[in-house]
Amino acid sequence: MRILDQDIPLKANLLNSFRKHWLLWSMLVVTAFLDFVTTYRFMTQYGIAVERNMVVRWLALNLGIVPGVLIGKSLQIFAAGAFSALSFKYSRAILLLIVGVNLLAILFNLTLVPRTPPL
């Protein structure tokens, strides 16, 4: 693909990222799953309105908790793939960032109590 007068091998970048950073990709899938489970538990316990991720909250309100949260977490994996395809050089940093955000979300889902009352 040609972007800004540069040839970017999207498929090759993504495949190289899968091969070179397979452990980070595995961690991404595991943390996304755990984030899904803890977000689901959090939403069923306190309500959708206390979710701070606006995209996940909107999806859960319009599609239901399970499909909304599942699509929201799938978008993370899709974004990691898209950015890794654009730049193999930065794919490790991107994966580390998303895994780190997932770990923080899991921690917050398990420990924080919302100030707003459940609906």
Protein backbone atom coordinates (compact mmCIF):
# COMPACT_ATOMS: atom_id res chain seq x y z
CA MET A 1 0.00 0.00 0.00
CA ARG A 2 1.22 3.47 -0.80
CA ILE A 3 0.77 6.08 1.94
CA LEU A 4 2.34 9.55 1.72
CA ASP A 5 4.58 8.47 -1.15
CA GLN A 6 5.94 5.50 0.80
CA ASP A 7 5.32 1.84 0.11
CA ILE A 8 4.13 0.14 3.28
CA PRO A 9 3.96 -3.67 3.22
CA LEU A 10 0.90 -4.05 5.48
CA LYS A 11 0.66 -7.84 5.32
CA ALA A 12 4.40 -8.35 5.79
CA ASN A 13 4.49 -5.95 8.75
CA LEU A 14 1.60 -7.71 10.44
CA LEU A 15 3.02 -11.19 9.84
CA ASN A 16 6.44 -10.09 11.11
CA SER A 17 4.78 -8.63 14.18
CA PHE A 18 2.94 -11.93 14.82
CA ARG A 19 6.19 -13.89 14.44
CA LYS A 20 8.50 -11.60 16.36
CA HIS A 21 6.11 -10.50 19.13
CA TRP A 22 3.98 -13.64 19.54
CA LEU A 23 4.23 -13.40 23.33
CA LEU A 24 2.87 -9.84 23.34
CA TRP A 25 0.05 -10.85 20.99
CA SER A 26 -0.78 -13.72 23.35
CA MET A 27 -0.73 -11.35 26.31
CA LEU A 28 -3.00 -8.97 24.40
CA VAL A 29 -5.59 -11.68 23.79
CA VAL A 30 -5.46 -12.87 27.42
CA THR A 31 -5.69 -9.36 28.88
CA ALA A 32 -8.50 -8.44 26.48
CA PHE A 33 -10.42 -11.54 27.63
CA LEU A 34 -9.81 -10.75 31.31
CA ASP A 35 -10.80 -7.14 30.70
CA PHE A 36 -14.00 -8.40 29.06
CA VAL A 37 -14.82 -10.63 32.05
CA THR A 38 -14.07 -7.97 34.67
CA THR A 39 -15.91 -5.25 32.71
CA TYR A 40 -18.92 -7.54 32.35
CA ARG A 41 -18.89 -8.26 36.08
CA PHE A 42 -18.46 -4.57 36.88
CA MET A 43 -21.32 -3.52 34.59
CA THR A 44 -23.72 -6.16 35.86
CA GLN A 45 -22.92 -5.22 39.45
CA TYR A 46 -22.96 -1.41 39.19
CA GLY A 47 -24.73 -0.68 35.91
CA ILE A 48 -23.71 0.48 32.46
CA ALA A 49 -23.83 4.17 33.37
CA VAL A 50 -20.70 3.97 35.55
CA GLU A 51 -18.49 2.65 32.72
CA ARG A 52 -15.88 5.32 31.95
CA ASN A 53 -14.95 4.12 28.45
CA MET A 54 -17.40 6.08 26.33
CA VAL A 55 -17.21 3.67 23.37
CA VAL A 56 -17.85 0.57 25.48
CA ARG A 57 -20.61 2.35 27.41
CA TRP A 58 -22.34 3.45 24.18
CA LEU A 59 -22.02 -0.04 22.68
CA ALA A 60 -23.36 -1.66 25.87
CA LEU A 61 -26.29 0.74 26.04
CA ASN A 62 -27.25 0.18 22.41
CA LEU A 63 -26.38 -3.50 21.89
CA GLY A 64 -26.48 -4.97 25.38
CA ILE A 65 -23.74 -5.64 27.87
CA VAL A 66 -22.24 -8.81 26.37
CA PRO A 67 -22.19 -7.76 22.70
CA GLY A 68 -21.18 -4.19 23.53
CA VAL A 69 -18.24 -5.16 25.71
CA LEU A 70 -17.22 -7.94 23.30
CA ILE A 71 -17.16 -5.54 20.35
CA GLY A 72 -15.29 -2.93 22.41
CA LYS A 73 -12.56 -5.40 23.34
CA SER A 74 -12.40 -6.75 19.79
CA LEU A 75 -11.78 -3.23 18.55
CA GLN A 76 -8.65 -3.12 20.73
CA ILE A 77 -7.26 -6.18 19.01
CA PHE A 78 -8.22 -4.81 15.59
CA ALA A 79 -6.50 -1.49 16.39
CA ALA A 80 -3.35 -3.30 17.51
CA GLY A 81 -3.35 -5.23 14.24
CA ALA A 82 -3.94 -2.10 12.16
CA PHE A 83 -1.17 -0.11 13.82
CA SER A 84 1.21 -3.08 13.69
CA ALA A 85 0.50 -3.44 9.98
CA LEU A 86 1.29 0.21 9.41
CA SER A 87 4.61 0.05 11.26
CA PHE A 88 6.49 -3.06 12.29
CA LYS A 89 9.09 -0.81 13.92
CA TYR A 90 6.57 0.46 16.47
CA SER A 91 4.44 -2.68 16.82
CA ARG A 92 6.09 -3.75 20.07
CA ALA A 93 5.44 -0.36 21.65
CA ILE A 94 1.83 -0.40 20.47
CA LEU A 95 1.26 -3.89 21.85
CA LEU A 96 2.89 -2.99 25.17
CA LEU A 97 0.74 0.11 25.43
CA ILE A 98 -2.53 -1.74 24.79
CA VAL A 99 -1.59 -4.60 27.13
CA GLY A 100 -0.72 -2.01 29.80
CA VAL A 101 -4.04 -0.24 29.35
CA ASN A 102 -5.84 -3.60 29.60
CA LEU A 103 -3.99 -4.43 32.82
CA LEU A 104 -4.97 -1.06 34.30
CA ALA A 105 -8.58 -1.59 33.25
CA ILE A 106 -8.60 -5.04 34.89
CA LEU A 107 -7.15 -3.57 38.08
CA PHE A 108 -9.71 -0.76 38.12
CA ASN A 109 -12.59 -3.13 37.38
CA LEU A 110 -11.59 -5.34 40.30
CA THR A 111 -10.78 -2.68 42.89
CA LEU A 112 -12.59 0.59 42.26
CA VAL A 113 -16.02 1.30 43.62
CA PRO A 114 -17.94 3.91 41.61
CA ARG A 115 -19.15 7.07 43.29
CA THR A 116 -22.39 7.11 41.36
CA PRO A 117 -25.04 4.70 42.64
CA PRO A 118 -25.98 1.71 40.49
CA LEU A 119 -29.04 2.02 38.30
